[in-house]
N, C-alpha and C. Protein backbone atom coordinates (compact mmCIF):
# COMPACT_ATOMS: atom_id res chain seq x y z
N UNK A 1 0.85 -1.19 0.00
CA UNK A 1 0.00 0.00 0.00
C UNK A 1 0.89 1.24 0.00
N UNK A 2 0.60 2.13 -0.89
CA UNK A 2 1.37 3.36 -0.97
C UNK A 2 0.79 4.40 0.00
N UNK A 3 1.58 5.40 0.31
CA UNK A 3 1.13 6.47 1.20
C UNK A 3 -0.07 7.19 0.59
N UNK A 4 -0.08 7.32 -0.74
CA UNK A 4 -1.18 8.02 -1.40
C UNK A 4 -2.50 7.28 -1.30
N UNK A 5 -2.47 5.97 -0.99
CA UNK A 5 -3.69 5.20 -0.86
C UNK A 5 -4.33 5.35 0.52
N UNK A 6 -3.61 5.90 1.47
CA UNK A 6 -4.15 6.06 2.82
C UNK A 6 -5.30 7.07 2.79
N UNK A 7 -6.42 6.77 3.45
CA UNK A 7 -7.57 7.67 3.42
C UNK A 7 -7.24 9.09 3.88
N UNK A 8 -6.37 9.23 4.86
CA UNK A 8 -5.99 10.56 5.37
C UNK A 8 -5.41 11.41 4.25
N UNK A 9 -4.47 10.85 3.51
CA UNK A 9 -3.82 11.61 2.44
C UNK A 9 -4.75 11.80 1.25
N UNK A 10 -5.57 10.81 0.98
CA UNK A 10 -6.51 10.90 -0.13
C UNK A 10 -7.51 12.03 0.09
N UNK A 11 -8.04 12.13 1.30
CA UNK A 11 -9.00 13.20 1.60
C UNK A 11 -8.33 14.57 1.55
N UNK A 12 -7.11 14.66 2.06
CA UNK A 12 -6.41 15.94 2.01
C UNK A 12 -6.12 16.35 0.58
N UNK A 13 -5.76 15.39 -0.27
CA UNK A 13 -5.51 15.70 -1.67
C UNK A 13 -6.79 16.18 -2.35
N UNK A 14 -7.92 15.56 -2.03
CA UNK A 14 -9.21 15.99 -2.59
C UNK A 14 -9.54 17.40 -2.14
N UNK A 15 -9.29 17.69 -0.88
CA UNK A 15 -9.57 19.03 -0.36
C UNK A 15 -8.68 20.08 -1.03
N UNK A 16 -7.41 19.74 -1.21
CA UNK A 16 -6.49 20.68 -1.85
C UNK A 16 -6.88 20.89 -3.31
N UNK A 17 -7.35 19.85 -4.00
CA UNK A 17 -7.80 20.00 -5.39
C UNK A 17 -9.03 20.89 -5.45
N UNK A 18 -9.96 20.70 -4.51
CA UNK A 18 -11.15 21.56 -4.45
C UNK A 18 -10.75 23.02 -4.26
N UNK A 19 -9.83 23.27 -3.34
CA UNK A 19 -9.40 24.65 -3.08
C UNK A 19 -8.66 25.24 -4.27
N UNK A 20 -7.88 24.42 -4.98
CA UNK A 20 -7.20 24.86 -6.18
C UNK A 20 -8.22 25.25 -7.26
N UNK A 21 -9.24 24.42 -7.44
CA UNK A 21 -10.29 24.72 -8.41
C UNK A 21 -11.05 25.98 -8.01
N UNK A 22 -11.27 26.17 -6.72
CA UNK A 22 -11.98 27.37 -6.26
C UNK A 22 -11.17 28.62 -6.54
N UNK A 23 -9.85 28.56 -6.35
CA UNK A 23 -9.00 29.72 -6.66
C UNK A 23 -9.13 30.10 -8.13
N UNK A 24 -9.20 29.11 -9.02
CA UNK A 24 -9.35 29.39 -10.44
C UNK A 24 -10.67 30.10 -10.74
N UNK A 25 -11.75 29.64 -10.11
CA UNK A 25 -13.05 30.26 -10.31
C UNK A 25 -13.05 31.69 -9.78
N UNK A 26 -12.47 31.91 -8.61
CA UNK A 26 -12.40 33.25 -8.04
C UNK A 26 -11.54 34.18 -8.89
N UNK A 27 -10.45 33.66 -9.43
CA UNK A 27 -9.60 34.47 -10.31
C UNK A 27 -10.36 34.87 -11.56
N UNK A 28 -11.19 33.96 -12.07
CA UNK A 28 -12.02 34.28 -13.23
C UNK A 28 -13.02 35.38 -12.90
N UNK A 29 -13.57 35.34 -11.69
CA UNK A 29 -14.50 36.40 -11.26
C UNK A 29 -13.81 37.76 -11.25
N UNK A 30 -12.62 37.81 -10.68
CA UNK A 30 -11.88 39.08 -10.61
C UNK A 30 -11.51 39.55 -12.01
N UNK A 31 -11.16 38.63 -12.89
CA UNK A 31 -10.80 39.01 -14.26
C UNK A 31 -11.98 39.60 -15.02
N UNK A 32 -13.19 39.24 -14.62
CA UNK A 32 -14.39 39.74 -15.30
C UNK A 32 -15.08 40.85 -14.52
N UNK A 33 -14.34 41.59 -13.74
CA UNK A 33 -14.92 42.65 -12.92
C UNK A 33 -15.56 43.76 -13.76
N UNK A 34 -15.13 43.93 -14.98
CA UNK A 34 -15.68 44.98 -15.85
C UNK A 34 -16.56 44.43 -16.96
N UNK A 35 -16.86 43.16 -16.94
CA UNK A 35 -17.69 42.55 -17.98
C UNK A 35 -19.16 42.80 -17.67
N UNK A 36 -19.89 43.44 -18.59
CA UNK A 36 -21.31 43.70 -18.33
C UNK A 36 -22.10 42.40 -18.14
N UNK A 37 -23.04 42.43 -17.23
CA UNK A 37 -23.96 41.32 -16.92
C UNK A 37 -23.24 40.06 -16.45
N UNK A 38 -22.02 40.18 -15.94
CA UNK A 38 -21.30 39.02 -15.43
C UNK A 38 -21.72 38.76 -14.00
N UNK A 39 -22.05 37.51 -13.70
CA UNK A 39 -22.38 37.09 -12.35
C UNK A 39 -21.25 36.22 -11.84
N UNK A 40 -20.67 36.57 -10.69
CA UNK A 40 -19.57 35.75 -10.18
C UNK A 40 -20.04 34.35 -9.82
N UNK A 41 -19.10 33.43 -9.88
CA UNK A 41 -19.38 32.03 -9.55
C UNK A 41 -18.52 31.60 -8.37
N UNK A 42 -18.91 30.52 -7.77
CA UNK A 42 -18.12 29.92 -6.70
C UNK A 42 -18.39 28.43 -6.74
N UNK A 43 -17.50 27.64 -6.19
CA UNK A 43 -17.73 26.20 -6.15
C UNK A 43 -18.67 25.88 -5.01
N UNK A 44 -19.50 24.89 -5.24
CA UNK A 44 -20.50 24.48 -4.27
C UNK A 44 -19.85 23.59 -3.21
N UNK A 45 -19.58 24.16 -2.05
CA UNK A 45 -18.93 23.43 -0.95
C UNK A 45 -19.78 22.26 -0.48
N UNK A 46 -21.09 22.42 -0.49
CA UNK A 46 -21.97 21.35 0.00
C UNK A 46 -21.92 20.13 -0.91
N UNK A 47 -21.84 20.35 -2.22
CA UNK A 47 -21.76 19.18 -3.12
C UNK A 47 -20.42 18.48 -2.96
N UNK A 48 -19.36 19.24 -2.67
CA UNK A 48 -18.06 18.62 -2.41
C UNK A 48 -18.13 17.77 -1.14
N UNK A 49 -18.76 18.30 -0.09
CA UNK A 49 -18.88 17.56 1.17
C UNK A 49 -19.71 16.29 0.98
N UNK A 50 -20.79 16.38 0.18
CA UNK A 50 -21.62 15.20 -0.08
C UNK A 50 -20.82 14.14 -0.82
N UNK A 51 -20.08 14.56 -1.84
CA UNK A 51 -19.28 13.62 -2.62
C UNK A 51 -18.23 12.97 -1.75
N UNK A 52 -17.58 13.77 -0.91
CA UNK A 52 -16.56 13.23 -0.03
C UNK A 52 -17.15 12.24 0.97
N UNK A 53 -18.28 12.57 1.56
CA UNK A 53 -18.88 11.66 2.53
C UNK A 53 -19.40 10.40 1.86
N UNK A 54 -19.89 10.51 0.62
CA UNK A 54 -20.33 9.34 -0.12
C UNK A 54 -19.15 8.45 -0.49
N UNK A 55 -18.01 9.08 -0.80
CA UNK A 55 -16.81 8.33 -1.18
C UNK A 55 -16.17 7.65 0.02
N UNK A 56 -16.36 8.20 1.20
CA UNK A 56 -15.76 7.64 2.41
C UNK A 56 -16.67 6.55 2.92
N UNK A 57 -16.39 5.34 2.54
CA UNK A 57 -17.30 4.25 2.84
C UNK A 57 -16.66 3.22 3.76
N UNK A 58 -17.46 2.29 4.19
CA UNK A 58 -16.96 1.13 4.93
C UNK A 58 -17.14 -0.09 4.06
N UNK A 59 -16.63 -0.03 2.86
CA UNK A 59 -16.79 -1.09 1.87
C UNK A 59 -15.96 -2.31 2.21
N UNK A 60 -15.83 -3.19 1.22
CA UNK A 60 -15.15 -4.46 1.43
C UNK A 60 -13.66 -4.30 1.66
N UNK A 61 -13.12 -3.14 1.32
CA UNK A 61 -11.69 -2.93 1.53
C UNK A 61 -11.36 -2.60 2.97
N UNK A 62 -12.38 -2.50 3.80
CA UNK A 62 -12.15 -2.20 5.20
C UNK A 62 -12.67 -0.83 5.57
N UNK A 63 -12.79 -0.55 6.84
CA UNK A 63 -13.32 0.74 7.26
C UNK A 63 -12.38 1.87 6.86
N UNK A 64 -13.00 2.93 6.38
CA UNK A 64 -12.22 4.11 6.03
C UNK A 64 -11.65 4.08 4.63
N UNK A 65 -12.01 3.09 3.81
CA UNK A 65 -11.48 3.06 2.46
C UNK A 65 -12.22 4.06 1.59
N UNK A 66 -11.55 4.58 0.59
CA UNK A 66 -12.14 5.56 -0.30
C UNK A 66 -12.65 4.84 -1.54
N UNK A 67 -13.95 4.94 -1.79
CA UNK A 67 -14.53 4.33 -2.96
C UNK A 67 -14.35 5.27 -4.15
N UNK A 68 -14.10 4.75 -5.35
CA UNK A 68 -13.93 5.61 -6.51
C UNK A 68 -15.25 6.27 -6.89
N UNK A 69 -15.17 7.47 -7.44
CA UNK A 69 -16.32 8.20 -7.91
C UNK A 69 -16.23 8.22 -9.43
N UNK A 70 -17.16 7.52 -10.08
CA UNK A 70 -17.13 7.41 -11.54
C UNK A 70 -18.01 8.44 -12.19
N UNK A 71 -17.68 8.76 -13.45
CA UNK A 71 -18.48 9.70 -14.22
C UNK A 71 -19.81 9.03 -14.56
N UNK A 72 -20.86 9.84 -14.70
CA UNK A 72 -22.17 9.33 -15.06
C UNK A 72 -22.60 10.01 -16.34
N UNK A 73 -23.01 9.21 -17.32
CA UNK A 73 -23.52 9.77 -18.58
C UNK A 73 -25.01 10.05 -18.39
N UNK A 74 -25.40 11.32 -18.53
CA UNK A 74 -26.80 11.70 -18.35
C UNK A 74 -27.53 11.83 -19.68
N UNK A 75 -26.81 11.61 -20.77
CA UNK A 75 -27.38 11.69 -22.11
C UNK A 75 -26.73 10.61 -22.97
N UNK A 76 -27.46 10.06 -23.94
CA UNK A 76 -26.83 9.06 -24.81
C UNK A 76 -25.68 9.62 -25.63
N UNK A 77 -25.60 10.93 -25.75
CA UNK A 77 -24.52 11.58 -26.50
C UNK A 77 -23.24 11.70 -25.68
N UNK A 78 -23.32 11.48 -24.37
CA UNK A 78 -22.14 11.59 -23.52
C UNK A 78 -21.24 10.37 -23.68
N UNK A 79 -19.97 10.57 -23.47
CA UNK A 79 -19.00 9.48 -23.52
C UNK A 79 -18.94 8.82 -22.16
N UNK A 80 -19.10 7.51 -22.13
CA UNK A 80 -18.94 6.78 -20.87
C UNK A 80 -17.46 6.61 -20.61
N UNK A 81 -17.04 6.91 -19.41
CA UNK A 81 -15.63 6.80 -19.08
C UNK A 81 -15.45 6.24 -17.69
N UNK A 82 -14.20 5.98 -17.37
CA UNK A 82 -13.90 5.48 -16.03
C UNK A 82 -13.05 6.46 -15.26
N UNK A 83 -13.01 7.71 -15.71
CA UNK A 83 -12.25 8.72 -14.99
C UNK A 83 -12.86 8.97 -13.63
N UNK A 84 -12.01 9.24 -12.69
CA UNK A 84 -12.45 9.52 -11.33
C UNK A 84 -12.59 11.03 -11.18
N UNK A 85 -13.70 11.47 -10.61
CA UNK A 85 -13.92 12.89 -10.36
C UNK A 85 -12.94 13.37 -9.30
N UNK A 86 -12.31 14.53 -9.53
CA UNK A 86 -11.34 15.01 -8.57
C UNK A 86 -12.02 15.65 -7.37
N UNK A 87 -12.99 16.49 -7.62
CA UNK A 87 -13.61 17.16 -6.48
C UNK A 87 -15.11 16.92 -6.38
N UNK A 88 -15.77 16.56 -7.46
CA UNK A 88 -17.20 16.33 -7.42
C UNK A 88 -18.00 17.59 -7.19
N UNK A 89 -17.46 18.73 -7.56
CA UNK A 89 -18.16 19.99 -7.34
C UNK A 89 -18.48 20.65 -8.66
N UNK A 90 -19.36 21.61 -8.59
CA UNK A 90 -19.71 22.37 -9.77
C UNK A 90 -19.73 23.85 -9.41
N UNK A 91 -19.46 24.67 -10.40
CA UNK A 91 -19.50 26.11 -10.19
C UNK A 91 -20.96 26.57 -10.24
N UNK A 92 -21.35 27.34 -9.26
CA UNK A 92 -22.71 27.87 -9.19
C UNK A 92 -22.64 29.39 -9.14
N UNK A 93 -23.69 30.05 -9.61
CA UNK A 93 -23.74 31.50 -9.52
C UNK A 93 -23.76 31.92 -8.06
N UNK A 94 -22.91 32.88 -7.73
CA UNK A 94 -22.83 33.39 -6.37
C UNK A 94 -22.67 34.90 -6.41
N UNK A 95 -23.75 35.61 -6.74
CA UNK A 95 -23.63 37.06 -6.85
C UNK A 95 -23.23 37.70 -5.53
N UNK A 96 -22.40 38.74 -5.65
CA UNK A 96 -21.95 39.46 -4.46
C UNK A 96 -23.05 40.41 -4.01
N UNK A 97 -22.74 41.26 -3.03
CA UNK A 97 -23.75 42.09 -2.38
C UNK A 97 -24.24 43.26 -3.22
N UNK A 98 -23.51 43.62 -4.26
CA UNK A 98 -23.90 44.77 -5.08
C UNK A 98 -23.91 44.40 -6.55
N UNK A 99 -24.75 45.10 -7.31
CA UNK A 99 -24.78 44.95 -8.76
C UNK A 99 -24.67 46.35 -9.36
N UNK A 100 -23.75 46.49 -10.33
CA UNK A 100 -23.57 47.80 -10.97
C UNK A 100 -24.66 48.03 -12.00
N UNK A 101 -24.70 49.24 -12.57
CA UNK A 101 -25.72 49.58 -13.56
C UNK A 101 -25.62 48.73 -14.83
N UNK A 102 -24.42 48.25 -15.15
CA UNK A 102 -24.27 47.40 -16.35
C UNK A 102 -24.60 45.93 -16.07
N UNK A 103 -25.04 45.60 -14.86
CA UNK A 103 -25.46 44.25 -14.54
C UNK A 103 -24.36 43.37 -13.95
N UNK A 104 -23.16 43.90 -13.81
CA UNK A 104 -22.06 43.13 -13.24
C UNK A 104 -22.21 43.11 -11.72
N UNK A 105 -22.11 41.93 -11.14
CA UNK A 105 -22.29 41.84 -9.69
C UNK A 105 -21.03 41.35 -8.98
N UNK A 106 -19.86 41.64 -9.56
CA UNK A 106 -18.59 41.28 -8.92
C UNK A 106 -18.15 42.43 -8.02
N UNK A 107 -17.93 42.15 -6.76
CA UNK A 107 -17.37 43.12 -5.83
C UNK A 107 -15.95 42.62 -5.51
N UNK A 108 -14.96 43.38 -5.96
CA UNK A 108 -13.57 42.93 -5.85
C UNK A 108 -13.19 42.65 -4.40
N UNK A 109 -13.63 43.48 -3.48
CA UNK A 109 -13.27 43.29 -2.08
C UNK A 109 -13.79 41.95 -1.55
N UNK A 110 -15.03 41.61 -1.90
CA UNK A 110 -15.60 40.34 -1.45
C UNK A 110 -14.87 39.16 -2.08
N UNK A 111 -14.49 39.30 -3.33
CA UNK A 111 -13.74 38.23 -4.01
C UNK A 111 -12.36 38.06 -3.37
N UNK A 112 -11.72 39.15 -2.99
CA UNK A 112 -10.40 39.07 -2.36
C UNK A 112 -10.49 38.40 -0.99
N UNK A 113 -11.59 38.64 -0.27
CA UNK A 113 -11.79 37.96 1.02
C UNK A 113 -11.91 36.46 0.79
N UNK A 114 -12.67 36.07 -0.24
CA UNK A 114 -12.81 34.64 -0.56
C UNK A 114 -11.49 34.04 -0.99
N UNK A 115 -10.69 34.80 -1.76
CA UNK A 115 -9.37 34.31 -2.19
C UNK A 115 -8.47 34.09 -0.98
N UNK A 116 -8.47 35.05 -0.05
CA UNK A 116 -7.64 34.92 1.16
C UNK A 116 -8.09 33.73 2.01
N UNK A 117 -9.40 33.54 2.14
CA UNK A 117 -9.93 32.42 2.91
C UNK A 117 -9.54 31.09 2.26
N UNK A 118 -9.63 31.03 0.95
CA UNK A 118 -9.26 29.82 0.23
C UNK A 118 -7.78 29.52 0.40
N UNK A 119 -6.97 30.56 0.35
CA UNK A 119 -5.52 30.39 0.52
C UNK A 119 -5.19 29.87 1.93
N UNK A 120 -5.85 30.43 2.94
CA UNK A 120 -5.60 29.96 4.31
C UNK A 120 -6.01 28.50 4.48
N UNK A 121 -7.16 28.12 3.92
CA UNK A 121 -7.60 26.73 4.00
C UNK A 121 -6.65 25.80 3.27
N UNK A 122 -6.11 26.26 2.12
CA UNK A 122 -5.15 25.45 1.38
C UNK A 122 -3.87 25.27 2.20
N UNK A 123 -3.41 26.35 2.83
CA UNK A 123 -2.20 26.27 3.65
C UNK A 123 -2.38 25.28 4.82
N UNK A 124 -3.57 25.28 5.42
CA UNK A 124 -3.85 24.35 6.51
C UNK A 124 -3.81 22.91 5.99
N UNK A 125 -4.46 22.65 4.85
CA UNK A 125 -4.46 21.30 4.29
C UNK A 125 -3.05 20.86 3.92
N UNK A 126 -2.27 21.77 3.36
CA UNK A 126 -0.89 21.44 2.98
C UNK A 126 -0.05 21.13 4.22
N UNK A 127 -0.21 21.91 5.28
CA UNK A 127 0.52 21.67 6.53
C UNK A 127 0.14 20.31 7.12
N UNK A 128 -1.16 19.99 7.12
CA UNK A 128 -1.59 18.69 7.63
C UNK A 128 -1.02 17.55 6.79
N UNK A 129 -0.95 17.74 5.49
CA UNK A 129 -0.38 16.72 4.60
C UNK A 129 1.10 16.51 4.93
N UNK A 130 1.83 17.63 5.07
CA UNK A 130 3.26 17.54 5.38
C UNK A 130 3.49 16.89 6.74
N UNK A 131 2.68 17.25 7.74
CA UNK A 131 2.83 16.64 9.07
C UNK A 131 2.52 15.15 9.02
N UNK A 132 1.54 14.76 8.22
CA UNK A 132 1.24 13.35 8.06
C UNK A 132 2.41 12.58 7.45
N UNK A 133 3.07 13.19 6.47
CA UNK A 133 4.25 12.56 5.88
C UNK A 133 5.38 12.46 6.89
N UNK A 134 5.55 13.49 7.70
CA UNK A 134 6.59 13.44 8.74
C UNK A 134 6.31 12.32 9.73
N UNK A 135 5.05 12.15 10.10
CA UNK A 135 4.69 11.07 11.03
C UNK A 135 4.94 9.71 10.39
N UNK A 136 4.65 9.57 9.12
CA UNK A 136 4.90 8.30 8.43
C UNK A 136 6.39 8.00 8.37
N UNK A 137 7.20 9.03 8.11
CA UNK A 137 8.66 8.84 8.08
C UNK A 137 9.17 8.45 9.47
N UNK A 138 8.65 9.12 10.50
CA UNK A 138 9.08 8.83 11.85
C UNK A 138 8.69 7.39 12.23
N UNK A 139 7.50 6.97 11.83
CA UNK A 139 7.04 5.62 12.16
C UNK A 139 7.83 4.55 11.43
N UNK A 140 8.38 4.89 10.27
CA UNK A 140 9.10 3.89 9.48
C UNK A 140 10.58 3.77 9.85
N UNK A 141 11.08 4.67 10.71
CA UNK A 141 12.47 4.61 11.13
C UNK A 141 12.66 3.53 12.20
N UNK A 142 13.87 3.04 12.25
CA UNK A 142 14.22 2.09 13.31
C UNK A 142 14.30 2.82 14.63
N UNK A 143 13.91 2.19 15.70
CA UNK A 143 14.06 2.82 17.02
C UNK A 143 15.52 3.09 17.32
N UNK A 144 15.79 4.26 17.83
CA UNK A 144 17.16 4.63 18.26
C UNK A 144 18.01 5.17 17.12
N UNK A 145 17.48 5.28 15.89
CA UNK A 145 18.32 5.81 14.81
C UNK A 145 17.93 7.20 14.43
């Protein structure tokens, strides 16, 4: 079993991927601050939590194993695949508190707060990942060395 297969690291990697995707969406919002009728988007945290809790099963591989999340074809025109969803989230409209006369509802200050919050959450997940690796290294060393 590799370290990447451990549920602890798998969940942290999923969380970091979600936060990475959220940063991209927020950056797109800031880039469109002057686009008429643009509505900012954000990733749906609740759908990510549902996907993560659904993936965290007590299946035949033992308690705490991560079940794969497969793509679902909702139309006969879709390609059936076996790719695993990275975050299981979707971008949803998340208008900010104000809308300008041209219909744009991006408030740069609110987007920057979301960017900073996302960065802090990413830093926490990264620190937990690094500490987990340190613990694994410590556990794999011989006593007294």
